[in-house]
């Protein structure tokens, strides 16, 4: 509820990237410490909410999620275990220290905007008749990207063949999302755009195809209600 009502699209993606970076670093440091992993599991909901709070402050300080909001949500969910203001502040500091205060994340939404601009310019020269569908690409990309974030754990597990990866190359992810969007909007351009993106971004086409196929599988499942 906190994410959907108070965070912009960019802030939501930033929160996910922050949590992924924190979780990835935490597990790298403490995977062999059973006590630390138990703490991570027990505090996962608080970690997520605090990542959303940090993200909301980064995007708009005046509309940031309050500590009181986090405390109320956690206490409603926890029942007996009460979360305090001190818990929230300590958790925020823990997250920031774990990522070494590096909040300079590359967001797929930004990468997609830049790549769509280059695609449009490329099509103006190579296939001007295809421009009639370009306006639909960004909207389709946004819809697919939301699904990818919702199903990120399953998509990355399937792509990497492991459930231990929390972070995906953002350029590859963005290119795969665009490739799927092109497939949905204008299938005839799929190979043409895939070759352009692979060359422009210096990414193996096999990796683009593999991740795109995984995303399409999950898009299909979502459309069928599975």
C-alpha atoms as a PDB file:
ATOM      1  CA  UNK A   1       0.000   0.000   0.000  1.00  0.00           C
ATOM      2  CA  UNK A   2       2.850   2.371   0.833  1.00  0.00           C
ATOM      3  CA  UNK A   3       4.477   1.791  -2.556  1.00  0.00           C
ATOM      4  CA  UNK A   4       1.355   2.138  -4.665  1.00  0.00           C
ATOM      5  CA  UNK A   5      -0.104   5.244  -3.026  1.00  0.00           C
ATOM      6  CA  UNK A   6       2.902   7.401  -2.188  1.00  0.00           C
ATOM      7  CA  UNK A   7       5.724   6.531  -4.583  1.00  0.00           C
ATOM      8  CA  UNK A   8       6.258   7.533  -8.174  1.00  0.00           C
ATOM      9  CA  UNK A   9       7.210   4.937 -10.777  1.00  0.00           C
ATOM     10  CA  UNK A  10      10.864   5.967 -10.661  1.00  0.00           C
ATOM     11  CA  UNK A  11      10.873   5.900  -6.847  1.00  0.00           C
ATOM     12  CA  UNK A  12       9.426   2.376  -6.835  1.00  0.00           C
ATOM     13  CA  UNK A  13      12.156   1.124  -9.156  1.00  0.00           C
ATOM     14  CA  UNK A  14      14.818   2.916  -7.102  1.00  0.00           C
ATOM     15  CA  UNK A  15      13.508   1.232  -3.939  1.00  0.00           C
ATOM     16  CA  UNK A  16      13.746  -2.197  -5.556  1.00  0.00           C
ATOM     17  CA  UNK A  17      17.292  -1.544  -6.774  1.00  0.00           C
ATOM     18  CA  UNK A  18      18.317  -0.306  -3.321  1.00  0.00           C
ATOM     19  CA  UNK A  19      16.878  -3.374  -1.615  1.00  0.00           C
ATOM     20  CA  UNK A  20      18.483  -5.675  -4.202  1.00  0.00           C
ATOM     21  CA  UNK A  21      21.881  -4.024  -3.696  1.00  0.00           C
ATOM     22  CA  UNK A  22      21.525  -4.216   0.078  1.00  0.00           C
ATOM     23  CA  UNK A  23      20.340  -7.854   0.068  1.00  0.00           C
ATOM     24  CA  UNK A  24      23.050  -8.913  -2.367  1.00  0.00           C
ATOM     25  CA  UNK A  25      25.779  -7.293  -0.242  1.00  0.00           C
ATOM     26  CA  UNK A  26      24.294  -8.613   3.002  1.00  0.00           C
ATOM     27  CA  UNK A  27      24.225 -12.181   1.731  1.00  0.00           C
ATOM     28  CA  UNK A  28      27.762 -11.885   0.364  1.00  0.00           C
ATOM     29  CA  UNK A  29      28.965 -10.790   3.796  1.00  0.00           C
ATOM     30  CA  UNK A  30      26.873 -13.033   6.049  1.00  0.00           C
ATOM     31  CA  UNK A  31      25.751 -16.092   4.069  1.00  0.00           C
ATOM     32  CA  UNK A  32      27.767 -18.357   6.410  1.00  0.00           C
ATOM     33  CA  UNK A  33      26.414 -16.696   9.561  1.00  0.00           C
ATOM     34  CA  UNK A  34      23.186 -18.433  10.509  1.00  0.00           C
ATOM     35  CA  UNK A  35      22.346 -15.819  13.150  1.00  0.00           C
ATOM     36  CA  UNK A  36      22.716 -12.983  10.636  1.00  0.00           C
ATOM     37  CA  UNK A  37      20.589 -14.751   8.025  1.00  0.00           C
ATOM     38  CA  UNK A  38      17.851 -15.295  10.614  1.00  0.00           C
ATOM     39  CA  UNK A  39      17.933 -11.557  11.364  1.00  0.00           C
ATOM     40  CA  UNK A  40      17.718 -10.768   7.634  1.00  0.00           C
ATOM     41  CA  UNK A  41      14.645 -12.973   7.214  1.00  0.00           C
ATOM     42  CA  UNK A  42      12.929 -11.631  10.328  1.00  0.00           C
ATOM     43  CA  UNK A  43      13.574  -7.993   9.345  1.00  0.00           C
ATOM     44  CA  UNK A  44      12.971  -8.342   5.594  1.00  0.00           C
ATOM     45  CA  UNK A  45       9.643  -6.454   5.678  1.00  0.00           C
ATOM     46  CA  UNK A  46      11.222  -3.587   7.642  1.00  0.00           C
ATOM     47  CA  UNK A  47      14.205  -3.517   5.269  1.00  0.00           C
ATOM     48  CA  UNK A  48      11.841  -3.219   2.296  1.00  0.00           C
ATOM     49  CA  UNK A  49       9.771  -0.427   3.843  1.00  0.00           C
ATOM     50  CA  UNK A  50      12.863   1.543   4.832  1.00  0.00           C
ATOM     51  CA  UNK A  51      14.244   1.162   1.289  1.00  0.00           C
ATOM     52  CA  UNK A  52      10.949   2.629   0.053  1.00  0.00           C
ATOM     53  CA  UNK A  53      11.296   5.477   2.580  1.00  0.00           C
ATOM     54  CA  UNK A  54      14.856   6.257   1.417  1.00  0.00           C
ATOM     55  CA  UNK A  55      13.680   6.159  -2.193  1.00  0.00           C
ATOM     56  CA  UNK A  56      10.774   8.502  -1.495  1.00  0.00           C
ATOM     57  CA  UNK A  57      13.147  10.989   0.138  1.00  0.00           C
ATOM     58  CA  UNK A  58      15.423  10.838  -2.887  1.00  0.00           C
ATOM     59  CA  UNK A  59      12.578  11.584  -5.312  1.00  0.00           C
ATOM     60  CA  UNK A  60      10.623  14.164  -3.284  1.00  0.00           C
ATOM     61  CA  UNK A  61      11.537  15.075   0.271  1.00  0.00           C
ATOM     62  CA  UNK A  62       8.185  16.803   0.832  1.00  0.00           C
ATOM     63  CA  UNK A  63       6.253  13.653  -0.084  1.00  0.00           C
ATOM     64  CA  UNK A  64       8.559  11.187   1.629  1.00  0.00           C
ATOM     65  CA  UNK A  65       7.122   8.277   3.560  1.00  0.00           C
ATOM     66  CA  UNK A  66       7.150   9.072   7.257  1.00  0.00           C
ATOM     67  CA  UNK A  67       8.669   6.977  10.012  1.00  0.00           C
ATOM     68  CA  UNK A  68       5.232   6.897  11.633  1.00  0.00           C
ATOM     69  CA  UNK A  69       3.765   5.293   8.506  1.00  0.00           C
ATOM     70  CA  UNK A  70       6.405   2.549   8.590  1.00  0.00           C
ATOM     71  CA  UNK A  71       5.935   1.998  12.328  1.00  0.00           C
ATOM     72  CA  UNK A  72       2.144   1.737  11.952  1.00  0.00           C
ATOM     73  CA  UNK A  73       2.374  -0.728   9.072  1.00  0.00           C
ATOM     74  CA  UNK A  74       4.961  -2.901  10.821  1.00  0.00           C
ATOM     75  CA  UNK A  75       3.093  -2.940  14.128  1.00  0.00           C
ATOM     76  CA  UNK A  76      -0.187  -3.844  12.421  1.00  0.00           C
ATOM     77  CA  UNK A  77       1.535  -6.748  10.698  1.00  0.00           C
ATOM     78  CA  UNK A  78       3.788  -7.888  13.562  1.00  0.00           C
ATOM     79  CA  UNK A  79       1.284  -8.106  16.376  1.00  0.00           C
ATOM     80  CA  UNK A  80       3.425  -8.725  19.476  1.00  0.00           C
ATOM     81  CA  UNK A  81       6.814  -7.428  18.245  1.00  0.00           C
ATOM     82  CA  UNK A  82       6.629  -3.609  18.350  1.00  0.00           C
ATOM     83  CA  UNK A  83       8.733  -1.545  15.961  1.00  0.00           C
ATOM     84  CA  UNK A  84       9.990   1.794  17.287  1.00  0.00           C
ATOM     85  CA  UNK A  85      11.329   5.003  15.751  1.00  0.00           C
ATOM     86  CA  UNK A  86      14.792   3.904  16.848  1.00  0.00           C
ATOM     87  CA  UNK A  87      14.366   0.628  14.900  1.00  0.00           C
ATOM     88  CA  UNK A  88      13.545   2.546  11.724  1.00  0.00           C
ATOM     89  CA  UNK A  89      16.494   4.946  12.093  1.00  0.00           C
ATOM     90  CA  UNK A  90      18.906   2.105  12.896  1.00  0.00           C
ATOM     91  CA  UNK A  91      17.663   0.080   9.912  1.00  0.00           C
ATOM     92  CA  UNK A  92      18.069   3.056   7.560  1.00  0.00           C
ATOM     93  CA  UNK A  93      21.656   3.508   8.744  1.00  0.00           C
ATOM     94  CA  UNK A  94      22.327  -0.225   8.372  1.00  0.00           C
ATOM     95  CA  UNK A  95      21.100  -0.205   4.762  1.00  0.00           C
ATOM     96  CA  UNK A  96      23.111   2.890   3.839  1.00  0.00           C
ATOM     97  CA  UNK A  97      26.270   1.527   5.434  1.00  0.00           C
ATOM     98  CA  UNK A  98      25.876  -1.842   3.709  1.00  0.00           C
ATOM     99  CA  UNK A  99      25.719  -0.191   0.258  1.00  0.00           C
ATOM    100  CA  UNK A 100      28.568   2.141   1.283  1.00  0.00           C
ATOM    101  CA  UNK A 101      26.219   5.147   0.908  1.00  0.00           C
ATOM    102  CA  UNK A 102      26.283   4.610  -2.847  1.00  0.00           C
ATOM    103  CA  UNK A 103      22.797   5.496  -4.110  1.00  0.00           C
ATOM    104  CA  UNK A 104      23.815   6.152  -7.689  1.00  0.00           C
ATOM    105  CA  UNK A 105      21.739   3.385  -9.277  1.00  0.00           C
ATOM    106  CA  UNK A 106      21.225   2.973 -12.999  1.00  0.00           C
ATOM    107  CA  UNK A 107      17.472   2.517 -13.440  1.00  0.00           C
ATOM    108  CA  UNK A 108      16.066   0.522 -16.385  1.00  0.00           C
ATOM    109  CA  UNK A 109      13.403   3.201 -16.862  1.00  0.00           C
ATOM    110  CA  UNK A 110      16.113   5.764 -17.676  1.00  0.00           C
ATOM    111  CA  UNK A 111      18.023   3.347 -19.916  1.00  0.00           C
ATOM    112  CA  UNK A 112      14.837   2.493 -21.810  1.00  0.00           C
ATOM    113  CA  UNK A 113      14.086   6.191 -22.437  1.00  0.00           C
ATOM    114  CA  UNK A 114      17.547   6.731 -23.926  1.00  0.00           C
ATOM    115  CA  UNK A 115      17.446   3.574 -26.063  1.00  0.00           C
ATOM    116  CA  UNK A 116      13.964   4.376 -27.382  1.00  0.00           C
ATOM    117  CA  UNK A 117      15.263   7.769 -28.487  1.00  0.00           C
ATOM    118  CA  UNK A 118      18.092   6.100 -30.440  1.00  0.00           C
ATOM    119  CA  UNK A 119      15.690   3.536 -31.898  1.00  0.00           C
ATOM    120  CA  UNK A 120      13.419   6.316 -33.147  1.00  0.00           C
ATOM    121  CA  UNK A 121      16.347   8.151 -34.770  1.00  0.00           C
ATOM    122  CA  UNK A 122      17.581   4.902 -36.319  1.00  0.00           C
ATOM    123  CA  UNK A 123      14.164   4.075 -37.742  1.00  0.00           C
ATOM    124  CA  UNK A 124      13.803   7.571 -39.201  1.00  0.00           C
ATOM    125  CA  UNK A 125      16.714   6.705 -41.475  1.00  0.00           C
ATOM    126  CA  UNK A 126      16.374   2.943 -42.006  1.00  0.00           C
ATOM    127  CA  UNK A 127      12.620   2.271 -41.787  1.00  0.00           C
ATOM    128  CA  UNK A 128      10.610   5.525 -41.699  1.00  0.00           C
ATOM    129  CA  UNK A 129       7.307   3.688 -42.290  1.00  0.00           C
ATOM    130  CA  UNK A 130       7.740   1.889 -38.960  1.00  0.00           C
ATOM    131  CA  UNK A 131       7.525   5.144 -36.995  1.00  0.00           C
ATOM    132  CA  UNK A 132       3.748   4.860 -36.802  1.00  0.00           C
ATOM    133  CA  UNK A 133       4.137   2.307 -33.985  1.00  0.00           C
ATOM    134  CA  UNK A 134       6.977   3.967 -32.070  1.00  0.00           C
ATOM    135  CA  UNK A 135       4.573   5.929 -29.886  1.00  0.00           C
ATOM    136  CA  UNK A 136       3.221   2.666 -28.457  1.00  0.00           C
ATOM    137  CA  UNK A 137       6.639   1.307 -27.550  1.00  0.00           C
ATOM    138  CA  UNK A 138       7.234   3.407 -24.424  1.00  0.00           C
ATOM    139  CA  UNK A 139       3.830   2.596 -22.947  1.00  0.00           C
ATOM    140  CA  UNK A 140       4.322  -1.108 -23.670  1.00  0.00           C
ATOM    141  CA  UNK A 141       7.841  -1.006 -22.192  1.00  0.00           C
ATOM    142  CA  UNK A 142       6.491   0.565 -18.981  1.00  0.00           C
ATOM    143  CA  UNK A 143       3.832  -2.128 -18.637  1.00  0.00           C
ATOM    144  CA  UNK A 144       6.325  -4.944 -19.230  1.00  0.00           C
ATOM    145  CA  UNK A 145       8.887  -3.383 -16.872  1.00  0.00           C
ATOM    146  CA  UNK A 146       6.329  -3.283 -14.048  1.00  0.00           C
ATOM    147  CA  UNK A 147       5.646  -6.978 -14.562  1.00  0.00           C
ATOM    148  CA  UNK A 148       9.383  -7.730 -14.645  1.00  0.00           C
ATOM    149  CA  UNK A 149       9.854  -6.008 -11.284  1.00  0.00           C
ATOM    150  CA  UNK A 150       6.882  -7.828  -9.777  1.00  0.00           C
ATOM    151  CA  UNK A 151       8.225 -11.183 -11.015  1.00  0.00           C
ATOM    152  CA  UNK A 152      11.910 -10.273 -10.766  1.00  0.00           C
ATOM    153  CA  UNK A 153      12.965 -13.103  -8.432  1.00  0.00           C
ATOM    154  CA  UNK A 154      11.393 -15.764 -10.649  1.00  0.00           C
ATOM    155  CA  UNK A 155      12.615 -14.199 -13.902  1.00  0.00           C
ATOM    156  CA  UNK A 156      16.214 -13.862 -12.713  1.00  0.00           C
ATOM    157  CA  UNK A 157      16.209 -17.329 -11.145  1.00  0.00           C
ATOM    158  CA  UNK A 158      15.050 -18.804 -14.432  1.00  0.00           C
ATOM    159  CA  UNK A 159      17.491 -16.744 -16.500  1.00  0.00           C
ATOM    160  CA  UNK A 160      20.564 -17.438 -14.351  1.00  0.00           C
ATOM    161  CA  UNK A 161      19.520 -20.941 -13.307  1.00  0.00           C
ATOM    162  CA  UNK A 162      19.999 -19.943  -9.667  1.00  0.00           C
ATOM    163  CA  UNK A 163      17.958 -18.283  -6.928  1.00  0.00           C
ATOM    164  CA  UNK A 164      21.040 -16.556  -5.466  1.00  0.00           C
ATOM    165  CA  UNK A 165      21.117 -13.630  -7.902  1.00  0.00           C
ATOM    166  CA  UNK A 166      19.382 -10.447  -6.767  1.00  0.00           C
ATOM    167  CA  UNK A 167      20.967  -8.118  -9.318  1.00  0.00           C
ATOM    168  CA  UNK A 168      20.710  -8.180 -13.107  1.00  0.00           C
ATOM    169  CA  UNK A 169      22.726  -6.142 -15.594  1.00  0.00           C
ATOM    170  CA  UNK A 170      20.472  -3.135 -16.103  1.00  0.00           C
ATOM    171  CA  UNK A 171      21.449  -2.597 -19.735  1.00  0.00           C
ATOM    172  CA  UNK A 172      20.642  -6.217 -20.582  1.00  0.00           C
ATOM    173  CA  UNK A 173      17.363  -6.012 -18.676  1.00  0.00           C
ATOM    174  CA  UNK A 174      16.379  -2.789 -20.462  1.00  0.00           C
ATOM    175  CA  UNK A 175      17.268  -4.194 -23.882  1.00  0.00           C
ATOM    176  CA  UNK A 176      15.270  -7.360 -23.178  1.00  0.00           C
ATOM    177  CA  UNK A 177      12.223  -5.325 -22.085  1.00  0.00           C
ATOM    178  CA  UNK A 178      12.413  -3.246 -25.275  1.00  0.00           C
ATOM    179  CA  UNK A 179      12.807  -6.412 -27.369  1.00  0.00           C
ATOM    180  CA  UNK A 180       9.678  -7.912 -25.815  1.00  0.00           C
ATOM    181  CA  UNK A 181       7.782  -4.631 -26.325  1.00  0.00           C
ATOM    182  CA  UNK A 182       8.785  -4.558 -29.999  1.00  0.00           C
ATOM    183  CA  UNK A 183       7.655  -8.180 -30.326  1.00  0.00           C
ATOM    184  CA  UNK A 184       4.267  -7.226 -28.870  1.00  0.00           C
ATOM    185  CA  UNK A 185       3.799  -3.977 -30.827  1.00  0.00           C
ATOM    186  CA  UNK A 186       5.405  -4.823 -34.171  1.00  0.00           C
ATOM    187  CA  UNK A 187       6.696  -8.374 -34.495  1.00  0.00           C
ATOM    188  CA  UNK A 188       8.125  -7.696 -37.977  1.00  0.00           C
ATOM    189  CA  UNK A 189      10.688  -5.340 -36.456  1.00  0.00           C
ATOM    190  CA  UNK A 190      11.885  -7.741 -33.740  1.00  0.00           C
ATOM    191  CA  UNK A 191      15.023  -9.043 -35.451  1.00  0.00           C
ATOM    192  CA  UNK A 192      15.858  -5.635 -36.897  1.00  0.00           C
ATOM    193  CA  UNK A 193      15.672  -3.885 -33.499  1.00  0.00           C
ATOM    194  CA  UNK A 194      17.405  -6.766 -31.685  1.00  0.00           C
ATOM    195  CA  UNK A 195      20.414  -6.506 -33.999  1.00  0.00           C
ATOM    196  CA  UNK A 196      20.530  -2.733 -33.540  1.00  0.00           C
ATOM    197  CA  UNK A 197      20.359  -2.962 -29.728  1.00  0.00           C
ATOM    198  CA  UNK A 198      22.917  -5.770 -29.533  1.00  0.00           C
ATOM    199  CA  UNK A 199      25.358  -3.688 -31.574  1.00  0.00           C
ATOM    200  CA  UNK A 200      24.599  -0.393 -29.847  1.00  0.00           C
ATOM    201  CA  UNK A 201      24.879  -1.834 -26.325  1.00  0.00           C
ATOM    202  CA  UNK A 202      27.536  -4.445 -27.096  1.00  0.00           C
ATOM    203  CA  UNK A 203      25.471  -7.292 -25.672  1.00  0.00           C
ATOM    204  CA  UNK A 204      25.446 -10.889 -26.868  1.00  0.00           C
ATOM    205  CA  UNK A 205      22.250 -11.471 -28.861  1.00  0.00           C
ATOM    206  CA  UNK A 206      21.898 -14.911 -27.277  1.00  0.00           C
ATOM    207  CA  UNK A 207      21.643 -13.303 -23.833  1.00  0.00           C
ATOM    208  CA  UNK A 208      19.046 -10.839 -25.127  1.00  0.00           C
ATOM    209  CA  UNK A 209      17.043 -13.658 -26.692  1.00  0.00           C
ATOM    210  CA  UNK A 210      17.266 -15.847 -23.596  1.00  0.00           C
ATOM    211  CA  UNK A 211      16.122 -13.131 -21.173  1.00  0.00           C
ATOM    212  CA  UNK A 212      13.445 -11.929 -23.604  1.00  0.00           C
ATOM    213  CA  UNK A 213      12.016 -15.440 -23.857  1.00  0.00           C
ATOM    214  CA  UNK A 214      11.868 -15.722 -20.056  1.00  0.00           C
ATOM    215  CA  UNK A 215      10.070 -12.369 -19.830  1.00  0.00           C
ATOM    216  CA  UNK A 216       7.612 -13.347 -22.597  1.00  0.00           C
ATOM    217  CA  UNK A 217       6.851 -16.564 -20.715  1.00  0.00           C
ATOM    218  CA  UNK A 218       5.969 -14.585 -17.582  1.00  0.00           C
ATOM    219  CA  UNK A 219       3.981 -12.001 -19.569  1.00  0.00           C
ATOM    220  CA  UNK A 220       1.979 -14.853 -21.089  1.00  0.00           C
ATOM    221  CA  UNK A 221       1.347 -16.362 -17.658  1.00  0.00           C
ATOM    222  CA  UNK A 222       0.218 -12.986 -16.303  1.00  0.00           C
ATOM    223  CA  UNK A 223      -2.205 -12.476 -19.209  1.00  0.00           C
ATOM    224  CA  UNK A 224      -3.680 -15.918 -18.664  1.00  0.00           C
ATOM    225  CA  UNK A 225      -4.113 -15.220 -14.961  1.00  0.00           C
ATOM    226  CA  UNK A 226      -1.651 -17.861 -13.790  1.00  0.00           C
END
